[in-house]
Amino acid sequence: MVASEAVRNAHIWFESNSGWAPPDVDTLDEWTADGVCRAPDECLTSPTGWCDHGLASWWLILDALEDRR
């Protein structure tokens, strides 16, 4: 799997799982300072990785959104 596929998987997951929200900047900064991150399903992963379910970390998802702007 590559990062773009994990981000795509996360967007598909968003379509059938309501109530999700990205972390605020302070939370994301705390996670990455500790070398970890969460995926939208709350799994723990690395900031540039994805969980065992194939969902990208919030860092990757938000980074991909920034790249599109």
N, C-alpha and C. Protein backbone atom coordinates (compact mmCIF):
# COMPACT_ATOMS: atom_id res chain seq x y z
N MET A 1 0.85 -1.18 0.00
CA MET A 1 0.00 0.00 0.00
C MET A 1 0.90 1.24 0.00
N VAL A 2 0.42 2.29 -0.61
CA VAL A 2 1.12 3.57 -0.62
C VAL A 2 0.23 4.62 0.05
N ALA A 3 0.83 5.75 0.41
CA ALA A 3 0.11 6.78 1.15
C ALA A 3 -1.15 7.25 0.43
N SER A 4 -1.07 7.45 -0.88
CA SER A 4 -2.24 7.96 -1.61
C SER A 4 -3.40 6.97 -1.54
N GLU A 5 -3.10 5.68 -1.53
CA GLU A 5 -4.15 4.67 -1.42
C GLU A 5 -4.77 4.69 -0.02
N ALA A 6 -3.94 4.88 1.01
CA ALA A 6 -4.44 4.96 2.38
C ALA A 6 -5.32 6.20 2.57
N VAL A 7 -4.94 7.30 1.96
CA VAL A 7 -5.77 8.52 2.03
C VAL A 7 -7.10 8.27 1.32
N ARG A 8 -7.06 7.65 0.18
CA ARG A 8 -8.28 7.31 -0.55
C ARG A 8 -9.18 6.39 0.29
N ASN A 9 -8.58 5.40 0.95
CA ASN A 9 -9.33 4.51 1.84
C ASN A 9 -10.01 5.29 2.96
N ALA A 10 -9.32 6.28 3.49
CA ALA A 10 -9.90 7.09 4.57
C ALA A 10 -11.10 7.87 4.06
N HIS A 11 -11.02 8.43 2.87
CA HIS A 11 -12.15 9.17 2.31
C HIS A 11 -13.34 8.26 2.05
N ILE A 12 -13.08 7.04 1.64
CA ILE A 12 -14.17 6.07 1.48
C ILE A 12 -14.78 5.75 2.84
N TRP A 13 -13.94 5.60 3.85
CA TRP A 13 -14.41 5.33 5.21
C TRP A 13 -15.29 6.48 5.71
N PHE A 14 -14.90 7.74 5.40
CA PHE A 14 -15.68 8.90 5.82
C PHE A 14 -17.11 8.84 5.29
N GLU A 15 -17.28 8.31 4.09
CA GLU A 15 -18.60 8.26 3.46
C GLU A 15 -19.60 7.41 4.23
N SER A 16 -19.12 6.41 4.96
CA SER A 16 -20.05 5.54 5.68
C SER A 16 -19.92 5.65 7.20
N ASN A 17 -19.11 6.57 7.69
CA ASN A 17 -18.93 6.77 9.12
C ASN A 17 -19.09 8.24 9.45
N SER A 18 -20.23 8.60 9.97
CA SER A 18 -20.48 10.01 10.29
C SER A 18 -19.92 10.35 11.66
N GLY A 19 -19.83 11.62 11.94
CA GLY A 19 -19.41 12.09 13.25
C GLY A 19 -17.91 12.26 13.41
N TRP A 20 -17.15 12.01 12.37
CA TRP A 20 -15.71 12.17 12.46
C TRP A 20 -15.34 13.64 12.33
N ALA A 21 -14.23 14.00 12.89
CA ALA A 21 -13.71 15.36 12.74
C ALA A 21 -12.19 15.29 12.87
N PRO A 22 -11.49 16.07 12.08
CA PRO A 22 -10.04 16.06 12.19
C PRO A 22 -9.60 16.63 13.53
N PRO A 23 -8.43 16.23 13.99
CA PRO A 23 -7.91 16.78 15.24
C PRO A 23 -7.56 18.26 15.08
N ASP A 24 -7.57 18.98 16.18
CA ASP A 24 -7.14 20.38 16.10
C ASP A 24 -5.62 20.41 15.96
N VAL A 25 -5.10 21.56 15.62
CA VAL A 25 -3.67 21.71 15.34
C VAL A 25 -2.82 21.32 16.54
N ASP A 26 -3.23 21.73 17.75
CA ASP A 26 -2.45 21.40 18.95
C ASP A 26 -2.37 19.90 19.19
N THR A 27 -3.48 19.20 18.99
CA THR A 27 -3.50 17.75 19.18
C THR A 27 -2.60 17.07 18.15
N LEU A 28 -2.71 17.49 16.91
CA LEU A 28 -1.87 16.92 15.85
C LEU A 28 -0.39 17.18 16.15
N ASP A 29 -0.07 18.37 16.62
CA ASP A 29 1.31 18.70 16.98
C ASP A 29 1.82 17.83 18.14
N GLU A 30 0.97 17.58 19.12
CA GLU A 30 1.35 16.72 20.25
C GLU A 30 1.63 15.30 19.77
N TRP A 31 0.73 14.77 18.94
CA TRP A 31 0.92 13.42 18.43
C TRP A 31 2.24 13.31 17.68
N THR A 32 2.44 14.23 16.74
CA THR A 32 3.64 14.12 15.89
C THR A 32 4.91 14.35 16.69
N ALA A 33 4.86 15.19 17.72
CA ALA A 33 6.03 15.39 18.59
C ALA A 33 6.39 14.08 19.30
N ASP A 34 5.38 13.26 19.56
CA ASP A 34 5.61 11.96 20.19
C ASP A 34 5.91 10.86 19.16
N GLY A 35 5.89 11.22 17.87
CA GLY A 35 6.19 10.26 16.81
C GLY A 35 5.05 9.32 16.49
N VAL A 36 3.83 9.72 16.89
CA VAL A 36 2.65 8.90 16.62
C VAL A 36 1.55 9.76 16.00
N CYS A 37 0.50 9.11 15.59
CA CYS A 37 -0.66 9.82 15.06
C CYS A 37 -1.84 8.86 15.16
N ARG A 38 -3.03 9.38 14.96
CA ARG A 38 -4.23 8.57 14.93
C ARG A 38 -4.77 8.55 13.51
N ALA A 39 -5.44 7.47 13.19
CA ALA A 39 -6.22 7.38 11.96
C ALA A 39 -7.65 7.76 12.32
N PRO A 40 -8.50 8.03 11.35
CA PRO A 40 -9.88 8.41 11.65
C PRO A 40 -10.65 7.40 12.49
N ASP A 41 -10.28 6.13 12.42
CA ASP A 41 -10.96 5.11 13.24
C ASP A 41 -10.34 4.97 14.62
N GLU A 42 -9.47 5.91 14.98
CA GLU A 42 -8.79 6.00 16.28
C GLU A 42 -7.62 5.04 16.43
N CYS A 43 -7.28 4.29 15.41
CA CYS A 43 -6.10 3.43 15.49
C CYS A 43 -4.85 4.29 15.61
N LEU A 44 -3.87 3.78 16.33
CA LEU A 44 -2.59 4.46 16.49
C LEU A 44 -1.68 4.05 15.34
N THR A 45 -1.01 5.02 14.75
CA THR A 45 -0.09 4.77 13.64
C THR A 45 1.02 5.81 13.67
N SER A 46 1.89 5.77 12.73
CA SER A 46 2.92 6.81 12.62
C SER A 46 2.32 7.99 11.87
N PRO A 47 2.91 9.18 12.00
CA PRO A 47 2.37 10.35 11.29
C PRO A 47 2.29 10.16 9.78
N THR A 48 3.23 9.44 9.21
CA THR A 48 3.24 9.27 7.75
C THR A 48 2.81 7.86 7.35
N GLY A 49 2.07 7.21 8.23
CA GLY A 49 1.66 5.83 7.98
C GLY A 49 0.16 5.66 7.95
N TRP A 50 -0.25 4.41 8.03
CA TRP A 50 -1.66 4.06 8.02
C TRP A 50 -1.85 2.89 8.98
N CYS A 51 -3.08 2.72 9.39
CA CYS A 51 -3.39 1.67 10.37
C CYS A 51 -3.53 0.32 9.69
N ASP A 52 -3.71 -0.71 10.50
CA ASP A 52 -3.87 -2.07 9.97
C ASP A 52 -5.11 -2.21 9.09
N HIS A 53 -6.07 -1.29 9.25
CA HIS A 53 -7.29 -1.32 8.44
C HIS A 53 -7.12 -0.59 7.11
N GLY A 54 -5.93 0.00 6.90
CA GLY A 54 -5.63 0.67 5.63
C GLY A 54 -6.04 2.13 5.58
N LEU A 55 -6.35 2.73 6.75
CA LEU A 55 -6.73 4.15 6.77
C LEU A 55 -5.51 5.00 7.09
N ALA A 56 -5.34 6.06 6.33
CA ALA A 56 -4.21 6.97 6.52
C ALA A 56 -4.29 7.69 7.85
N SER A 57 -3.14 8.09 8.35
CA SER A 57 -3.10 8.92 9.56
C SER A 57 -3.74 10.27 9.25
N TRP A 58 -4.19 10.93 10.30
CA TRP A 58 -4.74 12.27 10.11
C TRP A 58 -3.70 13.20 9.50
N TRP A 59 -2.43 13.02 9.85
CA TRP A 59 -1.39 13.89 9.29
C TRP A 59 -1.37 13.75 7.77
N LEU A 60 -1.39 12.49 7.28
CA LEU A 60 -1.38 12.27 5.82
C LEU A 60 -2.64 12.84 5.16
N ILE A 61 -3.79 12.64 5.79
CA ILE A 61 -5.05 13.13 5.22
C ILE A 61 -5.03 14.65 5.10
N LEU A 62 -4.64 15.31 6.17
CA LEU A 62 -4.63 16.78 6.16
C LEU A 62 -3.54 17.31 5.23
N ASP A 63 -2.42 16.63 5.16
CA ASP A 63 -1.35 17.03 4.24
C ASP A 63 -1.82 16.93 2.79
N ALA A 64 -2.56 15.87 2.47
CA ALA A 64 -3.08 15.70 1.11
C ALA A 64 -4.08 16.82 0.77
N LEU A 65 -4.88 17.24 1.74
CA LEU A 65 -5.82 18.34 1.50
C LEU A 65 -5.08 19.63 1.23
N GLU A 66 -3.99 19.87 1.96
CA GLU A 66 -3.19 21.07 1.74
C GLU A 66 -2.56 21.07 0.35
N ASP A 67 -2.13 19.90 -0.10
CA ASP A 67 -1.50 19.78 -1.43
C ASP A 67 -2.48 20.12 -2.54
N ARG A 68 -3.76 19.93 -2.31
CA ARG A 68 -4.78 20.19 -3.33
C ARG A 68 -5.12 21.66 -3.46
N ARG A 69 -4.72 22.44 -2.51
CA ARG A 69 -5.05 23.89 -2.53
C ARG A 69 -4.07 24.67 -3.34
